[in-house]
């Protein structure tokens, strides 16, 4: 009996020690996941800080562009057809920049909103992005054929309305492929381009939002080069909008291509298995790269377009004069009236 009583505590102790061994072997896995999550959040935060700087530059450029537009309107200057398209393009990039602030404010976490609100945000982002690309196509058409051949296309308002209509239709197609929310009133995390939408959505966005517009642009530029070769005339270098058009087209192509490839890759990995923390952080970075294209485009329009550059010089001159005025008033305040005393140093001898 003594042996049996001695044996019972040992068996109880062994069964009590078994859960401790299980938790001790599983703790390194939890620690590695925790470290991976911290590293992913650190990568997202660094990208967020860099994009915040780009967003500040883009907003400052947009304010100066708006100042130049107001000056032109008050001076009753007639905007050329190509300049009107350039202003519309800058407006679409400013809209994208403002929509991106929802990501900047919540990273490395996600925006929490209703499903219908998230779907509306994704729809607006896709529409603004497509508007910018289609406006680039119209600008390439204007640079190739000098003036539109059709009477309706000579009106910038008609062109912008046509661009908005086509963008809405394409965005509706992308919204259908993205998947309608199951319960519209419920709240959840909001991802503009989720990997869970599948490869069909990613491929459709890559085609509609990049490949098709740039194939049209490539055809127009090729036609313009052929016309230049036959007529011995200047193509893009002969207009003020040529350099800014090329620079903006290249920047948007690089940013959208990077985001599209990462989105297709992430959708494929999501179908094969769940994405890791690092892969999701890399998708966040690609989203920031896509939005940074809008910021860079606003800066390029400000620096390369001559009327916009004149607005920048005017704002700089006004700020310099204002600072000089403040400095001059401070200098006058520090100057004190001299106090002069006249004393007689000669001795008086009666």
C-alpha atoms as a PDB file:
ATOM      1  CA  UNK A   1       0.000   0.000   0.000  1.00  0.00           C
ATOM      2  CA  UNK A   2       2.851   2.309   0.715  1.00  0.00           C
ATOM      3  CA  UNK A   3       4.213   1.687  -2.739  1.00  0.00           C
ATOM      4  CA  UNK A   4       0.832   2.357  -4.269  1.00  0.00           C
ATOM      5  CA  UNK A   5       0.386   5.574  -2.310  1.00  0.00           C
ATOM      6  CA  UNK A   6       3.885   6.630  -3.312  1.00  0.00           C
ATOM      7  CA  UNK A   7       3.104   5.881  -6.947  1.00  0.00           C
ATOM      8  CA  UNK A   8      -0.090   7.917  -7.107  1.00  0.00           C
ATOM      9  CA  UNK A   9       1.493  11.350  -6.455  1.00  0.00           C
ATOM     10  CA  UNK A  10       4.120  10.576  -9.066  1.00  0.00           C
ATOM     11  CA  UNK A  11       1.495   9.874 -11.732  1.00  0.00           C
ATOM     12  CA  UNK A  12      -0.428  12.974 -10.757  1.00  0.00           C
ATOM     13  CA  UNK A  13       2.732  15.040 -10.942  1.00  0.00           C
ATOM     14  CA  UNK A  14       3.580  13.639 -14.347  1.00  0.00           C
ATOM     15  CA  UNK A  15       0.146  14.470 -15.727  1.00  0.00           C
ATOM     16  CA  UNK A  16       0.396  17.950 -14.232  1.00  0.00           C
ATOM     17  CA  UNK A  17       3.782  18.558 -15.837  1.00  0.00           C
ATOM     18  CA  UNK A  18       2.617  17.609 -19.326  1.00  0.00           C
ATOM     19  CA  UNK A  19       0.713  20.843 -20.108  1.00  0.00           C
ATOM     20  CA  UNK A  20       3.748  22.857 -19.017  1.00  0.00           C
ATOM     21  CA  UNK A  21       5.901  21.006 -21.543  1.00  0.00           C
ATOM     22  CA  UNK A  22       3.365  21.660 -24.302  1.00  0.00           C
ATOM     23  CA  UNK A  23       3.241  25.378 -23.623  1.00  0.00           C
ATOM     24  CA  UNK A  24       7.008  25.590 -23.430  1.00  0.00           C
ATOM     25  CA  UNK A  25       7.394  24.002 -26.873  1.00  0.00           C
ATOM     26  CA  UNK A  26       4.721  26.230 -28.415  1.00  0.00           C
ATOM     27  CA  UNK A  27       6.053  29.503 -26.974  1.00  0.00           C
ATOM     28  CA  UNK A  28       8.849  29.920 -29.566  1.00  0.00           C
ATOM     29  CA  UNK A  29       6.249  29.791 -32.350  1.00  0.00           C
ATOM     30  CA  UNK A  30       4.243  32.543 -30.713  1.00  0.00           C
ATOM     31  CA  UNK A  31       7.390  34.575 -30.180  1.00  0.00           C
ATOM     32  CA  UNK A  32       8.424  34.244 -33.819  1.00  0.00           C
ATOM     33  CA  UNK A  33       4.964  35.308 -34.973  1.00  0.00           C
ATOM     34  CA  UNK A  34       5.094  38.267 -32.628  1.00  0.00           C
ATOM     35  CA  UNK A  35       8.520  39.304 -33.934  1.00  0.00           C
ATOM     36  CA  UNK A  36       7.338  38.938 -37.545  1.00  0.00           C
ATOM     37  CA  UNK A  37       4.318  41.113 -36.817  1.00  0.00           C
ATOM     38  CA  UNK A  38       6.503  43.796 -35.223  1.00  0.00           C
ATOM     39  CA  UNK A  39       8.850  43.765 -38.229  1.00  0.00           C
ATOM     40  CA  UNK A  40       5.904  44.050 -40.630  1.00  0.00           C
ATOM     41  CA  UNK A  41       4.415  46.961 -38.685  1.00  0.00           C
ATOM     42  CA  UNK A  42       7.819  48.635 -38.644  1.00  0.00           C
ATOM     43  CA  UNK A  43       8.067  48.342 -42.437  1.00  0.00           C
ATOM     44  CA  UNK A  44       4.573  49.767 -42.868  1.00  0.00           C
ATOM     45  CA  UNK A  45       5.269  52.634 -40.477  1.00  0.00           C
ATOM     46  CA  UNK A  46       8.471  53.592 -42.292  1.00  0.00           C
ATOM     47  CA  UNK A  47       6.632  53.621 -45.609  1.00  0.00           C
ATOM     48  CA  UNK A  48       3.878  55.665 -43.976  1.00  0.00           C
ATOM     49  CA  UNK A  49       6.359  58.320 -42.823  1.00  0.00           C
ATOM     50  CA  UNK A  50       7.937  58.580 -46.278  1.00  0.00           C
ATOM     51  CA  UNK A  51       4.557  58.852 -47.954  1.00  0.00           C
ATOM     52  CA  UNK A  52       3.435  61.493 -45.445  1.00  0.00           C
ATOM     53  CA  UNK A  53       6.347  63.661 -46.611  1.00  0.00           C
ATOM     54  CA  UNK A  54       5.345  63.101 -50.248  1.00  0.00           C
ATOM     55  CA  UNK A  55       1.745  63.958 -49.381  1.00  0.00           C
ATOM     56  CA  UNK A  56       2.797  67.269 -47.815  1.00  0.00           C
ATOM     57  CA  UNK A  57       4.740  68.189 -50.959  1.00  0.00           C
ATOM     58  CA  UNK A  58       1.795  67.151 -53.121  1.00  0.00           C
ATOM     59  CA  UNK A  59      -0.684  69.209 -51.094  1.00  0.00           C
ATOM     60  CA  UNK A  60       1.595  72.255 -51.220  1.00  0.00           C
ATOM     61  CA  UNK A  61       1.931  71.872 -54.991  1.00  0.00           C
ATOM     62  CA  UNK A  62      -1.837  71.503 -55.349  1.00  0.00           C
ATOM     63  CA  UNK A  63      -2.409  74.711 -53.377  1.00  0.00           C
ATOM     64  CA  UNK A  64      -0.047  76.642 -55.660  1.00  0.00           C
ATOM     65  CA  UNK A  65      -1.719  75.130 -58.736  1.00  0.00           C
ATOM     66  CA  UNK A  66      -5.092  76.205 -57.379  1.00  0.00           C
ATOM     67  CA  UNK A  67      -3.708  79.699 -56.797  1.00  0.00           C
ATOM     68  CA  UNK A  68      -2.562  79.858 -60.417  1.00  0.00           C
ATOM     69  CA  UNK A  69      -5.966  78.688 -61.647  1.00  0.00           C
ATOM     70  CA  UNK A  70      -7.725  81.372 -59.579  1.00  0.00           C
ATOM     71  CA  UNK A  71      -5.372  84.015 -60.976  1.00  0.00           C
ATOM     72  CA  UNK A  72      -6.115  82.903 -64.522  1.00  0.00           C
ATOM     73  CA  UNK A  73      -9.850  82.956 -63.843  1.00  0.00           C
ATOM     74  CA  UNK A  74      -9.763  86.432 -62.274  1.00  0.00           C
ATOM     75  CA  UNK A  75      -7.670  87.740 -65.151  1.00  0.00           C
ATOM     76  CA  UNK A  76     -10.261  86.253 -67.542  1.00  0.00           C
ATOM     77  CA  UNK A  77      -7.615  84.373 -69.455  1.00  0.00           C
ATOM     78  CA  UNK A  78      -8.866  81.771 -71.882  1.00  0.00           C
ATOM     79  CA  UNK A  79      -7.431  78.346 -71.109  1.00  0.00           C
ATOM     80  CA  UNK A  80      -6.284  76.326 -74.079  1.00  0.00           C
ATOM     81  CA  UNK A  81      -7.795  72.911 -74.743  1.00  0.00           C
ATOM     82  CA  UNK A  82      -4.680  71.098 -73.581  1.00  0.00           C
ATOM     83  CA  UNK A  83      -4.287  73.306 -70.503  1.00  0.00           C
ATOM     84  CA  UNK A  84      -7.868  72.530 -69.487  1.00  0.00           C
ATOM     85  CA  UNK A  85      -7.137  68.802 -69.661  1.00  0.00           C
ATOM     86  CA  UNK A  86      -4.001  69.342 -67.593  1.00  0.00           C
ATOM     87  CA  UNK A  87      -5.998  71.139 -64.897  1.00  0.00           C
ATOM     88  CA  UNK A  88      -8.551  68.312 -64.887  1.00  0.00           C
ATOM     89  CA  UNK A  89      -5.733  65.777 -64.581  1.00  0.00           C
ATOM     90  CA  UNK A  90      -4.273  67.681 -61.619  1.00  0.00           C
ATOM     91  CA  UNK A  91      -7.714  67.697 -59.979  1.00  0.00           C
ATOM     92  CA  UNK A  92      -7.989  63.908 -60.286  1.00  0.00           C
ATOM     93  CA  UNK A  93      -4.544  63.480 -58.733  1.00  0.00           C
ATOM     94  CA  UNK A  94      -5.484  65.820 -55.889  1.00  0.00           C
ATOM     95  CA  UNK A  95      -8.617  63.746 -55.264  1.00  0.00           C
ATOM     96  CA  UNK A  96      -6.480  60.599 -55.081  1.00  0.00           C
ATOM     97  CA  UNK A  97      -4.148  62.334 -52.656  1.00  0.00           C
ATOM     98  CA  UNK A  98      -7.017  63.339 -50.377  1.00  0.00           C
ATOM     99  CA  UNK A  99      -8.466  59.826 -50.466  1.00  0.00           C
ATOM    100  CA  UNK A 100      -5.097  58.372 -49.511  1.00  0.00           C
ATOM    101  CA  UNK A 101      -5.168  60.248 -46.202  1.00  0.00           C
ATOM    102  CA  UNK A 102      -7.523  57.562 -44.894  1.00  0.00           C
ATOM    103  CA  UNK A 103      -4.643  55.090 -45.191  1.00  0.00           C
ATOM    104  CA  UNK A 104      -2.037  57.438 -43.724  1.00  0.00           C
ATOM    105  CA  UNK A 105      -4.127  58.159 -40.644  1.00  0.00           C
ATOM    106  CA  UNK A 106      -4.613  54.494 -39.675  1.00  0.00           C
ATOM    107  CA  UNK A 107      -1.473  52.634 -40.746  1.00  0.00           C
ATOM    108  CA  UNK A 108      -0.069  50.182 -39.692  1.00  0.00           C
ATOM    109  CA  UNK A 109      -3.638  49.295 -38.740  1.00  0.00           C
ATOM    110  CA  UNK A 110      -6.684  49.555 -41.012  1.00  0.00           C
ATOM    111  CA  UNK A 111      -9.538  51.977 -41.391  1.00  0.00           C
ATOM    112  CA  UNK A 112     -12.627  50.669 -39.594  1.00  0.00           C
ATOM    113  CA  UNK A 113     -15.879  51.589 -41.314  1.00  0.00           C
ATOM    114  CA  UNK A 114     -19.045  50.007 -42.645  1.00  0.00           C
ATOM    115  CA  UNK A 115     -18.884  47.655 -45.604  1.00  0.00           C
ATOM    116  CA  UNK A 116     -20.802  50.050 -47.818  1.00  0.00           C
ATOM    117  CA  UNK A 117     -18.439  52.871 -46.842  1.00  0.00           C
ATOM    118  CA  UNK A 118     -15.400  50.773 -47.713  1.00  0.00           C
ATOM    119  CA  UNK A 119     -16.926  49.809 -51.065  1.00  0.00           C
ATOM    120  CA  UNK A 120     -17.639  53.476 -51.813  1.00  0.00           C
ATOM    121  CA  UNK A 121     -14.047  54.412 -50.923  1.00  0.00           C
ATOM    122  CA  UNK A 122     -12.604  51.725 -53.205  1.00  0.00           C
ATOM    123  CA  UNK A 123     -14.974  52.761 -56.006  1.00  0.00           C
ATOM    124  CA  UNK A 124     -13.932  56.425 -55.728  1.00  0.00           C
ATOM    125  CA  UNK A 125     -10.221  55.562 -55.701  1.00  0.00           C
ATOM    126  CA  UNK A 126     -10.581  53.428 -58.830  1.00  0.00           C
ATOM    127  CA  UNK A 127     -12.644  56.104 -60.562  1.00  0.00           C
ATOM    128  CA  UNK A 128     -10.144  58.892 -59.796  1.00  0.00           C
ATOM    129  CA  UNK A 129      -7.238  56.731 -60.934  1.00  0.00           C
ATOM    130  CA  UNK A 130      -8.976  55.833 -64.203  1.00  0.00           C
ATOM    131  CA  UNK A 131      -9.909  59.477 -64.792  1.00  0.00           C
ATOM    132  CA  UNK A 132      -6.261  60.474 -64.590  1.00  0.00           C
ATOM    133  CA  UNK A 133      -5.193  57.759 -67.020  1.00  0.00           C
ATOM    134  CA  UNK A 134      -7.915  58.540 -69.562  1.00  0.00           C
ATOM    135  CA  UNK A 135      -7.106  62.246 -69.377  1.00  0.00           C
ATOM    136  CA  UNK A 136      -3.527  61.336 -70.229  1.00  0.00           C
ATOM    137  CA  UNK A 137      -4.862  59.492 -73.278  1.00  0.00           C
ATOM    138  CA  UNK A 138      -6.758  62.613 -74.380  1.00  0.00           C
ATOM    139  CA  UNK A 139      -3.638  64.715 -73.831  1.00  0.00           C
ATOM    140  CA  UNK A 140      -1.652  62.316 -75.992  1.00  0.00           C
ATOM    141  CA  UNK A 141      -4.369  62.570 -78.636  1.00  0.00           C
ATOM    142  CA  UNK A 142      -4.166  66.379 -78.558  1.00  0.00           C
ATOM    143  CA  UNK A 143      -0.368  66.367 -78.783  1.00  0.00           C
ATOM    144  CA  UNK A 144      -0.472  63.954 -81.720  1.00  0.00           C
ATOM    145  CA  UNK A 145      -3.189  65.584 -83.843  1.00  0.00           C
ATOM    146  CA  UNK A 146      -2.739  69.197 -82.603  1.00  0.00           C
ATOM    147  CA  UNK A 147      -6.503  69.843 -82.370  1.00  0.00           C
ATOM    148  CA  UNK A 148      -9.394  67.379 -82.085  1.00  0.00           C
ATOM    149  CA  UNK A 149     -11.058  66.557 -85.363  1.00  0.00           C
ATOM    150  CA  UNK A 150     -14.582  66.146 -83.973  1.00  0.00           C
ATOM    151  CA  UNK A 151     -16.532  69.264 -83.015  1.00  0.00           C
ATOM    152  CA  UNK A 152     -17.669  67.887 -79.653  1.00  0.00           C
ATOM    153  CA  UNK A 153     -14.142  66.936 -78.636  1.00  0.00           C
ATOM    154  CA  UNK A 154     -13.040  70.547 -79.066  1.00  0.00           C
ATOM    155  CA  UNK A 155     -14.932  71.357 -75.870  1.00  0.00           C
ATOM    156  CA  UNK A 156     -12.910  70.435 -72.766  1.00  0.00           C
ATOM    157  CA  UNK A 157     -16.068  69.984 -70.700  1.00  0.00           C
ATOM    158  CA  UNK A 158     -17.345  67.311 -73.078  1.00  0.00           C
ATOM    159  CA  UNK A 159     -14.016  65.465 -72.908  1.00  0.00           C
ATOM    160  CA  UNK A 160     -13.965  65.541 -69.112  1.00  0.00           C
ATOM    161  CA  UNK A 161     -17.580  64.339 -68.943  1.00  0.00           C
ATOM    162  CA  UNK A 162     -16.767  61.478 -71.316  1.00  0.00           C
ATOM    163  CA  UNK A 163     -13.745  60.531 -69.211  1.00  0.00           C
ATOM    164  CA  UNK A 164     -15.800  60.529 -66.004  1.00  0.00           C
ATOM    165  CA  UNK A 165     -18.525  58.399 -67.617  1.00  0.00           C
ATOM    166  CA  UNK A 166     -16.081  55.768 -68.870  1.00  0.00           C
ATOM    167  CA  UNK A 167     -14.296  55.755 -65.506  1.00  0.00           C
ATOM    168  CA  UNK A 168     -17.561  55.159 -63.655  1.00  0.00           C
ATOM    169  CA  UNK A 169     -18.428  52.227 -65.914  1.00  0.00           C
ATOM    170  CA  UNK A 170     -14.994  50.630 -65.469  1.00  0.00           C
ATOM    171  CA  UNK A 171     -15.145  51.205 -61.710  1.00  0.00           C
ATOM    172  CA  UNK A 172     -18.517  49.465 -61.576  1.00  0.00           C
ATOM    173  CA  UNK A 173     -16.963  46.446 -63.294  1.00  0.00           C
ATOM    174  CA  UNK A 174     -14.131  46.428 -60.750  1.00  0.00           C
ATOM    175  CA  UNK A 175     -16.618  46.804 -57.887  1.00  0.00           C
ATOM    176  CA  UNK A 176     -18.515  43.759 -59.168  1.00  0.00           C
ATOM    177  CA  UNK A 177     -15.315  41.698 -59.348  1.00  0.00           C
ATOM    178  CA  UNK A 178     -14.210  42.949 -55.938  1.00  0.00           C
ATOM    179  CA  UNK A 179     -17.345  41.417 -54.517  1.00  0.00           C
ATOM    180  CA  UNK A 180     -20.374  43.103 -52.975  1.00  0.00           C
ATOM    181  CA  UNK A 181     -20.372  43.313 -49.177  1.00  0.00           C
ATOM    182  CA  UNK A 182     -22.586  40.743 -47.526  1.00  0.00           C
ATOM    183  CA  UNK A 183     -24.017  42.961 -44.785  1.00  0.00           C
ATOM    184  CA  UNK A 184     -23.782  46.645 -45.640  1.00  0.00           C
ATOM    185  CA  UNK A 185     -24.420  48.071 -42.180  1.00  0.00           C
ATOM    186  CA  UNK A 186     -21.793  46.054 -40.296  1.00  0.00           C
ATOM    187  CA  UNK A 187     -18.397  47.555 -39.525  1.00  0.00           C
ATOM    188  CA  UNK A 188     -15.049  46.000 -40.304  1.00  0.00           C
ATOM    189  CA  UNK A 189     -11.556  46.747 -41.515  1.00  0.00           C
ATOM    190  CA  UNK A 190     -11.375  48.471 -44.897  1.00  0.00           C
ATOM    191  CA  UNK A 191      -8.804  47.505 -47.539  1.00  0.00           C
ATOM    192  CA  UNK A 192      -9.030  49.302 -50.873  1.00  0.00           C
ATOM    193  CA  UNK A 193      -7.519  46.454 -52.894  1.00  0.00           C
ATOM    194  CA  UNK A 194      -7.843  43.290 -50.793  1.00  0.00           C
ATOM    195  CA  UNK A 195      -5.974  40.156 -51.754  1.00  0.00           C
ATOM    196  CA  UNK A 196      -9.107  38.203 -50.825  1.00  0.00           C
ATOM    197  CA  UNK A 197     -10.877  39.663 -53.884  1.00  0.00           C
ATOM    198  CA  UNK A 198      -9.100  37.089 -56.037  1.00  0.00           C
ATOM    199  CA  UNK A 199      -6.895  37.125 -59.094  1.00  0.00           C
ATOM    200  CA  UNK A 200      -9.783  38.079 -61.381  1.00  0.00           C
ATOM    201  CA  UNK A 201     -10.109  41.458 -59.655  1.00  0.00           C
ATOM    202  CA  UNK A 202      -6.341  41.983 -59.617  1.00  0.00           C
ATOM    203  CA  UNK A 203      -5.963  41.122 -63.303  1.00  0.00           C
ATOM    204  CA  UNK A 204      -8.960  43.269 -64.272  1.00  0.00           C
ATOM    205  CA  UNK A 205      -7.557  46.253 -62.394  1.00  0.00           C
ATOM    206  CA  UNK A 206      -4.153  45.741 -63.999  1.00  0.00           C
ATOM    207  CA  UNK A 207      -5.717  45.636 -67.468  1.00  0.00           C
ATOM    208  CA  UNK A 208      -8.302  48.416 -67.089  1.00  0.00           C
ATOM    209  CA  UNK A 209      -6.162  50.647 -64.908  1.00  0.00           C
ATOM    210  CA  UNK A 210      -2.835  50.288 -66.684  1.00  0.00           C
ATOM    211  CA  UNK A 211      -2.419  48.123 -69.778  1.00  0.00           C
ATOM    212  CA  UNK A 212      -5.321  49.349 -71.930  1.00  0.00           C
ATOM    213  CA  UNK A 213      -4.753  53.110 -71.365  1.00  0.00           C
ATOM    214  CA  UNK A 214      -1.021  52.814 -71.946  1.00  0.00           C
ATOM    215  CA  UNK A 215      -1.494  50.713 -75.068  1.00  0.00           C
ATOM    216  CA  UNK A 216      -3.653  53.542 -76.404  1.00  0.00           C
ATOM    217  CA  UNK A 217      -0.974  56.042 -75.384  1.00  0.00           C
ATOM    218  CA  UNK A 218       1.706  53.966 -77.071  1.00  0.00           C
ATOM    219  CA  UNK A 219      -0.313  53.887 -80.283  1.00  0.00           C
ATOM    220  CA  UNK A 220      -0.839  57.659 -80.190  1.00  0.00           C
ATOM    221  CA  UNK A 221       2.833  58.370 -79.512  1.00  0.00           C
ATOM    222  CA  UNK A 222       3.852  56.039 -82.319  1.00  0.00           C
ATOM    223  CA  UNK A 223       1.485  57.849 -84.681  1.00  0.00           C
ATOM    224  CA  UNK A 224       2.910  61.189 -83.587  1.00  0.00           C
ATOM    225  CA  UNK A 225       6.461  60.014 -84.231  1.00  0.00           C
ATOM    226  CA  UNK A 226       5.464  58.817 -87.710  1.00  0.00           C
ATOM    227  CA  UNK A 227       3.857  62.187 -88.474  1.00  0.00           C
ATOM    228  CA  UNK A 228       6.963  63.970 -87.223  1.00  0.00           C
ATOM    229  CA  UNK A 229       9.167  61.840 -89.449  1.00  0.00           C
ATOM    230  CA  UNK A 230       7.048  62.513 -92.529  1.00  0.00           C
ATOM    231  CA  UNK A 231       6.521  66.241 -92.003  1.00  0.00           C
ATOM    232  CA  UNK A 232       9.901  67.025 -90.365  1.00  0.00           C
ATOM    233  CA  UNK A 233       8.106  68.878 -87.567  1.00  0.00           C
ATOM    234  CA  UNK A 234       8.588  68.845 -83.833  1.00  0.00           C
ATOM    235  CA  UNK A 235       6.337  66.484 -81.900  1.00  0.00           C
ATOM    236  CA  UNK A 236       6.464  66.685 -78.101  1.00  0.00           C
ATOM    237  CA  UNK A 237       9.312  69.184 -77.868  1.00  0.00           C
ATOM    238  CA  UNK A 238       7.332  71.738 -79.853  1.00  0.00           C
ATOM    239  CA  UNK A 239       4.727  72.341 -77.120  1.00  0.00           C
ATOM    240  CA  UNK A 240       4.887  73.477 -73.516  1.00  0.00           C
ATOM    241  CA  UNK A 241       2.888  70.473 -72.346  1.00  0.00           C
ATOM    242  CA  UNK A 242       5.119  67.867 -74.021  1.00  0.00           C
ATOM    243  CA  UNK A 243       7.784  67.474 -71.286  1.00  0.00           C
ATOM    244  CA  UNK A 244       5.288  67.466 -68.418  1.00  0.00           C
ATOM    245  CA  UNK A 245       3.114  64.953 -70.297  1.00  0.00           C
ATOM    246  CA  UNK A 246       6.008  62.521 -70.752  1.00  0.00           C
ATOM    247  CA  UNK A 247       7.234  62.892 -67.162  1.00  0.00           C
ATOM    248  CA  UNK A 248       3.786  62.364 -65.661  1.00  0.00           C
ATOM    249  CA  UNK A 249       3.034  59.398 -67.933  1.00  0.00           C
ATOM    250  CA  UNK A 250       6.267  57.642 -66.948  1.00  0.00           C
ATOM    251  CA  UNK A 251       5.733  58.224 -63.203  1.00  0.00           C
ATOM    252  CA  UNK A 252       2.163  56.907 -63.224  1.00  0.00           C
ATOM    253  CA  UNK A 253       3.158  53.911 -65.325  1.00  0.00           C
ATOM    254  CA  UNK A 254       5.911  52.873 -62.906  1.00  0.00           C
ATOM    255  CA  UNK A 255       3.778  53.342 -59.773  1.00  0.00           C
ATOM    256  CA  UNK A 256       0.675  51.637 -61.163  1.00  0.00           C
ATOM    257  CA  UNK A 257       2.704  48.762 -62.623  1.00  0.00           C
ATOM    258  CA  UNK A 258       4.393  48.100 -59.281  1.00  0.00           C
ATOM    259  CA  UNK A 259       1.077  48.141 -57.420  1.00  0.00           C
ATOM    260  CA  UNK A 260      -0.631  45.952 -60.016  1.00  0.00           C
ATOM    261  CA  UNK A 261       2.095  43.294 -59.981  1.00  0.00           C
ATOM    262  CA  UNK A 262       2.133  43.170 -56.177  1.00  0.00           C
ATOM    263  CA  UNK A 263      -1.673  42.909 -56.107  1.00  0.00           C
ATOM    264  CA  UNK A 264      -1.722  40.020 -58.600  1.00  0.00           C
ATOM    265  CA  UNK A 265       1.045  38.262 -56.684  1.00  0.00           C
ATOM    266  CA  UNK A 266      -0.731  38.765 -53.362  1.00  0.00           C
ATOM    267  CA  UNK A 267      -4.028  37.471 -54.752  1.00  0.00           C
ATOM    268  CA  UNK A 268      -2.280  34.338 -56.040  1.00  0.00           C
ATOM    269  CA  UNK A 269      -0.604  33.729 -52.695  1.00  0.00           C
ATOM    270  CA  UNK A 270      -3.906  34.270 -50.898  1.00  0.00           C
ATOM    271  CA  UNK A 271      -5.548  31.560 -52.995  1.00  0.00           C
ATOM    272  CA  UNK A 272      -2.658  29.195 -52.270  1.00  0.00           C
ATOM    273  CA  UNK A 273      -2.663  29.980 -48.560  1.00  0.00           C
ATOM    274  CA  UNK A 274      -2.891  32.769 -46.032  1.00  0.00           C
ATOM    275  CA  UNK A 275      -0.556  35.729 -46.495  1.00  0.00           C
ATOM    276  CA  UNK A 276       2.223  36.261 -43.994  1.00  0.00           C
ATOM    277  CA  UNK A 277       2.704  39.473 -42.042  1.00  0.00           C
ATOM    278  CA  UNK A 278       5.572  40.492 -44.311  1.00  0.00           C
ATOM    279  CA  UNK A 279       3.533  39.965 -47.478  1.00  0.00           C
ATOM    280  CA  UNK A 280       0.657  42.053 -46.165  1.00  0.00           C
ATOM    281  CA  UNK A 281       3.090  44.797 -45.175  1.00  0.00           C
ATOM    282  CA  UNK A 282       4.562  44.679 -48.678  1.00  0.00           C
ATOM    283  CA  UNK A 283       1.065  45.171 -50.105  1.00  0.00           C
ATOM    284  CA  UNK A 284       0.687  48.227 -47.866  1.00  0.00           C
ATOM    285  CA  UNK A 285       3.938  49.579 -49.287  1.00  0.00           C
ATOM    286  CA  UNK A 286       2.700  49.016 -52.848  1.00  0.00           C
ATOM    287  CA  UNK A 287      -0.457  50.963 -52.012  1.00  0.00           C
ATOM    288  CA  UNK A 288       1.666  53.871 -50.789  1.00  0.00           C
ATOM    289  CA  UNK A 289       3.716  53.674 -53.999  1.00  0.00           C
ATOM    290  CA  UNK A 290       0.509  53.924 -56.037  1.00  0.00           C
ATOM    291  CA  UNK A 291      -0.638  57.007 -54.123  1.00  0.00           C
ATOM    292  CA  UNK A 292       2.825  58.584 -54.192  1.00  0.00           C
ATOM    293  CA  UNK A 293       2.546  58.712 -57.982  1.00  0.00           C
ATOM    294  CA  UNK A 294      -0.187  61.334 -57.581  1.00  0.00           C
ATOM    295  CA  UNK A 295       2.022  63.446 -55.296  1.00  0.00           C
ATOM    296  CA  UNK A 296       4.970  63.288 -57.696  1.00  0.00           C
ATOM    297  CA  UNK A 297       2.712  64.187 -60.629  1.00  0.00           C
ATOM    298  CA  UNK A 298       1.462  67.321 -58.877  1.00  0.00           C
ATOM    299  CA  UNK A 299       5.043  68.397 -58.163  1.00  0.00           C
ATOM    300  CA  UNK A 300       6.079  67.719 -61.773  1.00  0.00           C
ATOM    301  CA  UNK A 301       3.165  69.714 -63.178  1.00  0.00           C
ATOM    302  CA  UNK A 302       4.139  72.614 -60.935  1.00  0.00           C
ATOM    303  CA  UNK A 303       7.813  72.542 -61.928  1.00  0.00           C
ATOM    304  CA  UNK A 304       7.647  71.670 -65.640  1.00  0.00           C
ATOM    305  CA  UNK A 305       4.584  73.569 -66.856  1.00  0.00           C
ATOM    306  CA  UNK A 306       5.444  77.215 -67.567  1.00  0.00           C
ATOM    307  CA  UNK A 307       2.196  78.898 -66.317  1.00  0.00           C
ATOM    308  CA  UNK A 308       2.313  76.801 -63.146  1.00  0.00           C
ATOM    309  CA  UNK A 309       5.977  77.605 -62.682  1.00  0.00           C
ATOM    310  CA  UNK A 310       5.157  81.302 -62.970  1.00  0.00           C
ATOM    311  CA  UNK A 311       2.572  80.862 -60.211  1.00  0.00           C
ATOM    312  CA  UNK A 312       5.244  79.238 -58.050  1.00  0.00           C
ATOM    313  CA  UNK A 313       7.611  82.160 -58.655  1.00  0.00           C
ATOM    314  CA  UNK A 314       4.826  84.613 -57.846  1.00  0.00           C
ATOM    315  CA  UNK A 315       4.037  82.865 -54.560  1.00  0.00           C
ATOM    316  CA  UNK A 316       7.738  82.750 -53.670  1.00  0.00           C
ATOM    317  CA  UNK A 317       8.106  86.460 -54.423  1.00  0.00           C
ATOM    318  CA  UNK A 318       5.089  87.346 -52.293  1.00  0.00           C
ATOM    319  CA  UNK A 319       6.386  85.271 -49.380  1.00  0.00           C
ATOM    320  CA  UNK A 320       9.803  86.919 -49.662  1.00  0.00           C
ATOM    321  CA  UNK A 321       8.262  90.390 -49.677  1.00  0.00           C
ATOM    322  CA  UNK A 322       6.100  89.479 -46.700  1.00  0.00           C
ATOM    323  CA  UNK A 323       9.117  88.239 -44.746  1.00  0.00           C
ATOM    324  CA  UNK A 324      11.047  91.370 -45.636  1.00  0.00           C
ATOM    325  CA  UNK A 325       8.149  93.508 -44.481  1.00  0.00           C
ATOM    326  CA  UNK A 326       8.000  91.720 -41.148  1.00  0.00           C
ATOM    327  CA  UNK A 327      11.759  92.011 -40.732  1.00  0.00           C
ATOM    328  CA  UNK A 328      11.698  95.718 -41.564  1.00  0.00           C
ATOM    329  CA  UNK A 329       8.977  96.415 -39.013  1.00  0.00           C
ATOM    330  CA  UNK A 330      10.950  94.542 -36.354  1.00  0.00           C
ATOM    331  CA  UNK A 331      14.043  96.596 -37.188  1.00  0.00           C
ATOM    332  CA  UNK A 332      12.135  99.863 -36.860  1.00  0.00           C
ATOM    333  CA  UNK A 333      10.777  98.747 -33.514  1.00  0.00           C
ATOM    334  CA  UNK A 334      14.259  98.065 -32.174  1.00  0.00           C
ATOM    335  CA  UNK A 335      15.603 101.509 -33.169  1.00  0.00           C
ATOM    336  CA  UNK A 336      15.280 103.841 -30.186  1.00  0.00           C
ATOM    337  CA  UNK A 337      15.427 107.615 -30.249  1.00  0.00           C
ATOM    338  CA  UNK A 338      18.845 108.839 -29.068  1.00  0.00           C
ATOM    339  CA  UNK A 339      18.998 110.692 -25.785  1.00  0.00           C
ATOM    340  CA  UNK A 340      21.431 113.579 -26.077  1.00  0.00           C
ATOM    341  CA  UNK A 341      22.657 115.572 -23.080  1.00  0.00           C
ATOM    342  CA  UNK A 342      24.677 118.760 -23.534  1.00  0.00           C
ATOM    343  CA  UNK A 343      26.730 119.800 -20.551  1.00  0.00           C
ATOM    344  CA  UNK A 344      29.016 122.761 -20.139  1.00  0.00           C
ATOM    345  CA  UNK A 345      32.498 121.535 -19.325  1.00  0.00           C
ATOM    346  CA  UNK A 346      34.136 124.965 -19.085  1.00  0.00           C
ATOM    347  CA  UNK A 347      34.743 126.526 -15.665  1.00  0.00           C
ATOM    348  CA  UNK A 348      33.077 129.830 -15.074  1.00  0.00           C
ATOM    349  CA  UNK A 349      35.463 132.542 -13.813  1.00  0.00           C
ATOM    350  CA  UNK A 350      33.659 135.654 -12.611  1.00  0.00           C
END
